[in-house]
Amino acid sequence: MQDLLPLSIWALELALFLLMLAGIWRTFEKAGQPGWSIFVPVYNAVCFARAAGEPVNPWAIVLHLPCFQVIGLFAVSVSLAKRFGKGVGFGVGLAVLPFVFYPWLGFRAPVLEERP
């Protein structure tokens, strides 16, 4: 019985991780970016900035600097949420609880709003 607990926790973590990946994939596709780009490390940051409608070069660099990653993640997540018509709280949720908010954005949110 004690051996089942770690296995069930691992299975739950794997399921949440796969759900998050599917949500990010769908979110990227809704934003006009290739879904497979979530698996390519540097190109992922470039597509993340493009999906959020932000300038690519500064954010792609900031998302790879150790001291500024958290700031960049929150800023681009909030921009992505606003592009889909959601608020700042939803953007913070994308950064803090991605396994909940990315599937919601990818599978339930409407198509993204174009920026002027």
N, C-alpha and C. Protein backbone atom coordinates (compact mmCIF):
# COMPACT_ATOMS: atom_id res chain seq x y z
N MET A 1 0.82 -1.20 0.00
CA MET A 1 0.00 0.00 0.00
C MET A 1 0.86 1.26 0.00
N GLN A 2 1.98 1.22 0.75
CA GLN A 2 2.84 2.40 0.81
C GLN A 2 3.54 2.65 -0.52
N ASP A 3 3.73 1.62 -1.32
CA ASP A 3 4.37 1.77 -2.61
C ASP A 3 3.45 2.41 -3.65
N LEU A 4 2.16 2.38 -3.41
CA LEU A 4 1.21 2.97 -4.35
C LEU A 4 1.15 4.49 -4.26
N LEU A 5 1.41 5.05 -3.11
CA LEU A 5 1.32 6.50 -2.95
C LEU A 5 2.31 7.25 -3.84
N PRO A 6 3.61 6.92 -3.85
CA PRO A 6 4.51 7.64 -4.75
C PRO A 6 4.15 7.45 -6.22
N LEU A 7 3.69 6.26 -6.57
CA LEU A 7 3.31 6.00 -7.95
C LEU A 7 2.09 6.82 -8.35
N SER A 8 1.12 6.94 -7.46
CA SER A 8 -0.07 7.72 -7.79
C SER A 8 0.25 9.21 -7.84
N ILE A 9 1.15 9.68 -6.98
CA ILE A 9 1.56 11.09 -7.05
C ILE A 9 2.29 11.36 -8.35
N TRP A 10 3.15 10.44 -8.75
CA TRP A 10 3.87 10.59 -10.01
C TRP A 10 2.91 10.61 -11.19
N ALA A 11 1.90 9.74 -11.17
CA ALA A 11 0.92 9.69 -12.25
C ALA A 11 0.11 10.99 -12.31
N LEU A 12 -0.24 11.56 -11.16
CA LEU A 12 -0.96 12.82 -11.13
C LEU A 12 -0.10 13.96 -11.68
N GLU A 13 1.18 13.99 -11.28
CA GLU A 13 2.09 15.02 -11.80
C GLU A 13 2.26 14.90 -13.31
N LEU A 14 2.37 13.68 -13.81
CA LEU A 14 2.51 13.46 -15.24
C LEU A 14 1.26 13.91 -15.98
N ALA A 15 0.10 13.61 -15.44
CA ALA A 15 -1.16 14.02 -16.07
C ALA A 15 -1.28 15.54 -16.11
N LEU A 16 -0.94 16.22 -15.02
CA LEU A 16 -0.99 17.68 -15.00
C LEU A 16 0.01 18.28 -15.98
N PHE A 17 1.20 17.69 -16.07
CA PHE A 17 2.22 18.17 -16.99
C PHE A 17 1.76 18.02 -18.45
N LEU A 18 1.18 16.87 -18.79
CA LEU A 18 0.69 16.66 -20.15
C LEU A 18 -0.48 17.57 -20.48
N LEU A 19 -1.35 17.81 -19.51
CA LEU A 19 -2.46 18.75 -19.71
C LEU A 19 -1.94 20.16 -19.94
N MET A 20 -0.89 20.56 -19.19
CA MET A 20 -0.30 21.87 -19.37
C MET A 20 0.34 21.98 -20.76
N LEU A 21 1.07 20.95 -21.19
CA LEU A 21 1.68 20.98 -22.52
C LEU A 21 0.63 21.11 -23.62
N ALA A 22 -0.46 20.36 -23.49
CA ALA A 22 -1.54 20.44 -24.48
C ALA A 22 -2.16 21.84 -24.49
N GLY A 23 -2.32 22.44 -23.32
CA GLY A 23 -2.88 23.80 -23.25
C GLY A 23 -1.96 24.83 -23.86
N ILE A 24 -0.66 24.72 -23.61
CA ILE A 24 0.30 25.67 -24.19
C ILE A 24 0.34 25.49 -25.71
N TRP A 25 0.32 24.24 -26.16
CA TRP A 25 0.32 23.95 -27.60
C TRP A 25 -0.87 24.63 -28.27
N ARG A 26 -2.07 24.45 -27.70
CA ARG A 26 -3.28 25.05 -28.28
C ARG A 26 -3.25 26.57 -28.21
N THR A 27 -2.71 27.11 -27.12
CA THR A 27 -2.62 28.56 -26.98
C THR A 27 -1.70 29.13 -28.04
N PHE A 28 -0.56 28.49 -28.27
CA PHE A 28 0.36 28.95 -29.30
C PHE A 28 -0.30 28.89 -30.68
N GLU A 29 -1.04 27.81 -30.96
CA GLU A 29 -1.70 27.69 -32.25
C GLU A 29 -2.79 28.75 -32.43
N LYS A 30 -3.53 29.06 -31.37
CA LYS A 30 -4.54 30.11 -31.45
C LYS A 30 -3.91 31.47 -31.71
N ALA A 31 -2.68 31.66 -31.24
CA ALA A 31 -1.99 32.93 -31.42
C ALA A 31 -1.22 32.98 -32.74
N GLY A 32 -1.34 31.93 -33.56
CA GLY A 32 -0.68 31.93 -34.86
C GLY A 32 0.76 31.46 -34.83
N GLN A 33 1.17 30.82 -33.76
CA GLN A 33 2.53 30.29 -33.65
C GLN A 33 2.47 28.77 -33.76
N PRO A 34 3.56 28.13 -34.21
CA PRO A 34 3.53 26.67 -34.30
C PRO A 34 3.49 26.02 -32.92
N GLY A 35 2.63 25.05 -32.74
CA GLY A 35 2.49 24.40 -31.44
C GLY A 35 3.72 23.61 -31.03
N TRP A 36 4.41 23.01 -31.99
CA TRP A 36 5.59 22.22 -31.68
C TRP A 36 6.73 23.05 -31.12
N SER A 37 6.65 24.37 -31.24
CA SER A 37 7.75 25.23 -30.77
C SER A 37 7.90 25.21 -29.25
N ILE A 38 6.92 24.67 -28.52
CA ILE A 38 7.07 24.60 -27.06
C ILE A 38 8.17 23.66 -26.64
N PHE A 39 8.62 22.79 -27.55
CA PHE A 39 9.67 21.83 -27.23
C PHE A 39 11.07 22.30 -27.59
N VAL A 40 11.19 23.44 -28.28
CA VAL A 40 12.50 23.95 -28.69
C VAL A 40 12.86 25.12 -27.78
N PRO A 41 13.90 24.99 -26.94
CA PRO A 41 14.15 25.94 -25.86
C PRO A 41 14.20 27.42 -26.23
N VAL A 42 15.08 27.87 -27.08
CA VAL A 42 15.18 29.31 -27.34
C VAL A 42 14.05 29.79 -28.25
N TYR A 43 13.70 28.97 -29.23
CA TYR A 43 12.61 29.32 -30.14
C TYR A 43 11.28 29.42 -29.38
N ASN A 44 11.15 28.68 -28.30
CA ASN A 44 9.98 28.74 -27.44
C ASN A 44 9.78 30.16 -26.90
N ALA A 45 10.85 30.78 -26.42
CA ALA A 45 10.75 32.14 -25.88
C ALA A 45 10.39 33.14 -26.97
N VAL A 46 10.94 32.93 -28.17
CA VAL A 46 10.63 33.82 -29.30
C VAL A 46 9.14 33.72 -29.64
N CYS A 47 8.63 32.49 -29.74
CA CYS A 47 7.20 32.30 -30.06
C CYS A 47 6.30 32.77 -28.93
N PHE A 48 6.76 32.63 -27.69
CA PHE A 48 5.99 33.10 -26.53
C PHE A 48 5.83 34.63 -26.61
N ALA A 49 6.90 35.33 -26.95
CA ALA A 49 6.83 36.79 -27.08
C ALA A 49 5.96 37.18 -28.26
N ARG A 50 6.09 36.47 -29.37
CA ARG A 50 5.25 36.77 -30.54
C ARG A 50 3.78 36.54 -30.24
N ALA A 51 3.47 35.45 -29.54
CA ALA A 51 2.08 35.15 -29.19
C ALA A 51 1.49 36.23 -28.29
N ALA A 52 2.34 36.80 -27.44
CA ALA A 52 1.87 37.86 -26.54
C ALA A 52 1.81 39.21 -27.24
N GLY A 53 2.33 39.28 -28.46
CA GLY A 53 2.32 40.55 -29.18
C GLY A 53 3.39 41.51 -28.71
N GLU A 54 4.42 41.00 -28.07
CA GLU A 54 5.51 41.83 -27.55
C GLU A 54 6.68 41.81 -28.53
N PRO A 55 7.58 42.80 -28.45
CA PRO A 55 8.77 42.77 -29.29
C PRO A 55 9.63 41.55 -28.93
N VAL A 56 10.08 40.84 -29.93
CA VAL A 56 10.71 39.54 -29.70
C VAL A 56 12.10 39.65 -29.09
N ASN A 57 12.97 40.46 -29.63
CA ASN A 57 14.37 40.45 -29.19
C ASN A 57 14.57 40.74 -27.71
N PRO A 58 14.02 41.82 -27.15
CA PRO A 58 14.28 42.04 -25.73
C PRO A 58 13.70 40.96 -24.83
N TRP A 59 12.49 40.48 -25.14
CA TRP A 59 11.87 39.49 -24.26
C TRP A 59 12.52 38.12 -24.40
N ALA A 60 12.99 37.78 -25.60
CA ALA A 60 13.68 36.50 -25.76
C ALA A 60 14.97 36.49 -24.95
N ILE A 61 15.62 37.63 -24.84
CA ILE A 61 16.85 37.72 -24.05
C ILE A 61 16.50 37.72 -22.56
N VAL A 62 15.53 38.52 -22.16
CA VAL A 62 15.16 38.62 -20.74
C VAL A 62 14.68 37.28 -20.20
N LEU A 63 13.96 36.51 -21.02
CA LEU A 63 13.44 35.22 -20.55
C LEU A 63 14.55 34.18 -20.35
N HIS A 64 15.79 34.51 -20.74
CA HIS A 64 16.90 33.59 -20.54
C HIS A 64 17.95 34.11 -19.55
N LEU A 65 17.75 35.29 -19.00
CA LEU A 65 18.66 35.81 -17.99
C LEU A 65 18.16 35.39 -16.61
N PRO A 66 19.01 34.71 -15.85
CA PRO A 66 18.54 34.12 -14.58
C PRO A 66 17.89 35.11 -13.62
N CYS A 67 18.42 36.30 -13.48
CA CYS A 67 17.88 37.24 -12.50
C CYS A 67 16.55 37.85 -12.95
N PHE A 68 16.30 37.88 -14.25
CA PHE A 68 15.14 38.58 -14.78
C PHE A 68 14.07 37.65 -15.34
N GLN A 69 14.27 36.34 -15.23
CA GLN A 69 13.31 35.40 -15.80
C GLN A 69 11.92 35.55 -15.21
N VAL A 70 11.83 35.72 -13.91
CA VAL A 70 10.52 35.80 -13.25
C VAL A 70 9.79 37.06 -13.70
N ILE A 71 10.51 38.18 -13.77
CA ILE A 71 9.89 39.43 -14.22
C ILE A 71 9.41 39.29 -15.65
N GLY A 72 10.26 38.73 -16.51
CA GLY A 72 9.89 38.54 -17.91
C GLY A 72 8.71 37.60 -18.06
N LEU A 73 8.70 36.52 -17.27
CA LEU A 73 7.61 35.56 -17.35
C LEU A 73 6.28 36.21 -16.98
N PHE A 74 6.26 37.00 -15.90
CA PHE A 74 5.03 37.67 -15.49
C PHE A 74 4.59 38.71 -16.52
N ALA A 75 5.55 39.48 -17.05
CA ALA A 75 5.21 40.53 -18.02
C ALA A 75 4.63 39.94 -19.31
N VAL A 76 5.28 38.93 -19.84
CA VAL A 76 4.80 38.34 -21.09
C VAL A 76 3.51 37.55 -20.86
N SER A 77 3.36 36.92 -19.70
CA SER A 77 2.11 36.20 -19.40
C SER A 77 0.92 37.16 -19.30
N VAL A 78 1.14 38.31 -18.68
CA VAL A 78 0.06 39.30 -18.59
C VAL A 78 -0.28 39.83 -19.98
N SER A 79 0.72 40.06 -20.81
CA SER A 79 0.46 40.51 -22.19
C SER A 79 -0.30 39.46 -22.98
N LEU A 80 0.05 38.20 -22.79
CA LEU A 80 -0.65 37.12 -23.48
C LEU A 80 -2.10 37.05 -23.03
N ALA A 81 -2.33 37.18 -21.73
CA ALA A 81 -3.70 37.14 -21.22
C ALA A 81 -4.52 38.31 -21.77
N LYS A 82 -3.92 39.49 -21.81
CA LYS A 82 -4.64 40.66 -22.35
C LYS A 82 -4.94 40.48 -23.82
N ARG A 83 -4.05 39.83 -24.55
CA ARG A 83 -4.28 39.61 -25.97
C ARG A 83 -5.47 38.67 -26.20
N PHE A 84 -5.74 37.80 -25.25
CA PHE A 84 -6.89 36.90 -25.34
C PHE A 84 -8.12 37.49 -24.65
N GLY A 85 -8.06 38.75 -24.25
CA GLY A 85 -9.21 39.40 -23.64
C GLY A 85 -9.37 39.12 -22.16
N LYS A 86 -8.34 38.64 -21.51
CA LYS A 86 -8.39 38.36 -20.08
C LYS A 86 -7.68 39.48 -19.33
N GLY A 87 -7.79 39.47 -18.01
CA GLY A 87 -7.21 40.52 -17.19
C GLY A 87 -5.83 40.18 -16.66
N VAL A 88 -5.34 41.10 -15.82
CA VAL A 88 -4.01 40.94 -15.22
C VAL A 88 -3.98 39.72 -14.30
N GLY A 89 -5.04 39.48 -13.57
CA GLY A 89 -5.11 38.33 -12.67
C GLY A 89 -4.96 37.01 -13.42
N PHE A 90 -5.55 36.93 -14.60
CA PHE A 90 -5.42 35.73 -15.41
C PHE A 90 -3.98 35.57 -15.88
N GLY A 91 -3.32 36.69 -16.22
CA GLY A 91 -1.92 36.64 -16.62
C GLY A 91 -1.02 36.18 -15.49
N VAL A 92 -1.30 36.63 -14.29
CA VAL A 92 -0.54 36.17 -13.12
C VAL A 92 -0.80 34.67 -12.91
N GLY A 93 -2.03 34.25 -13.14
CA GLY A 93 -2.34 32.82 -13.04
C GLY A 93 -1.58 32.00 -14.06
N LEU A 94 -1.40 32.54 -15.27
CA LEU A 94 -0.61 31.83 -16.28
C LEU A 94 0.82 31.61 -15.80
N ALA A 95 1.36 32.58 -15.09
CA ALA A 95 2.74 32.46 -14.61
C ALA A 95 2.84 31.57 -13.37
N VAL A 96 1.84 31.63 -12.49
CA VAL A 96 1.94 30.92 -11.21
C VAL A 96 1.36 29.50 -11.29
N LEU A 97 0.24 29.33 -11.93
CA LEU A 97 -0.42 28.02 -12.05
C LEU A 97 -0.63 27.66 -13.52
N PRO A 98 0.43 27.41 -14.26
CA PRO A 98 0.28 27.17 -15.70
C PRO A 98 -0.52 25.90 -16.02
N PHE A 99 -0.50 24.90 -15.14
CA PHE A 99 -1.23 23.66 -15.42
C PHE A 99 -2.74 23.84 -15.30
N VAL A 100 -3.19 24.97 -14.74
CA VAL A 100 -4.62 25.28 -14.67
C VAL A 100 -5.01 26.27 -15.76
N PHE A 101 -4.23 27.35 -15.89
CA PHE A 101 -4.63 28.46 -16.74
C PHE A 101 -4.31 28.25 -18.22
N TYR A 102 -3.25 27.54 -18.58
CA TYR A 102 -2.97 27.31 -20.01
C TYR A 102 -4.00 26.40 -20.66
N PRO A 103 -4.42 25.30 -20.02
CA PRO A 103 -5.51 24.53 -20.63
C PRO A 103 -6.80 25.35 -20.76
N TRP A 104 -7.07 26.19 -19.77
CA TRP A 104 -8.24 27.05 -19.84
C TRP A 104 -8.12 28.00 -21.03
N LEU A 105 -6.96 28.60 -21.21
CA LEU A 105 -6.75 29.54 -22.31
C LEU A 105 -6.75 28.81 -23.64
N GLY A 106 -6.14 27.63 -23.68
CA GLY A 106 -6.02 26.90 -24.94
C GLY A 106 -7.31 26.26 -25.40
N PHE A 107 -8.10 25.76 -24.47
CA PHE A 107 -9.29 25.00 -24.86
C PHE A 107 -10.60 25.74 -24.65
N ARG A 108 -10.62 26.79 -23.81
CA ARG A 108 -11.89 27.46 -23.53
C ARG A 108 -11.94 28.91 -23.98
N ALA A 109 -10.81 29.58 -24.03
CA ALA A 109 -10.82 31.01 -24.34
C ALA A 109 -11.18 31.23 -25.81
N PRO A 110 -11.80 32.36 -26.10
CA PRO A 110 -12.10 32.68 -27.49
C PRO A 110 -10.82 33.00 -28.27
N VAL A 111 -11.00 33.25 -29.53
CA VAL A 111 -9.84 33.60 -30.36
C VAL A 111 -9.26 34.92 -29.87
N LEU A 112 -7.97 35.10 -30.12
CA LEU A 112 -7.31 36.26 -29.57
C LEU A 112 -7.71 37.56 -30.24
N GLU A 113 -7.56 38.65 -29.51
CA GLU A 113 -7.88 39.97 -30.01
C GLU A 113 -6.65 40.55 -30.70
N GLU A 114 -6.86 41.16 -31.85
CA GLU A 114 -5.75 41.78 -32.57
C GLU A 114 -5.38 43.09 -31.91
N ARG A 115 -4.09 43.37 -31.90
CA ARG A 115 -3.62 44.64 -31.35
C ARG A 115 -3.58 45.69 -32.44
N PRO A 116 -3.83 46.95 -32.09
CA PRO A 116 -3.79 48.01 -33.12
C PRO A 116 -2.37 48.25 -33.61
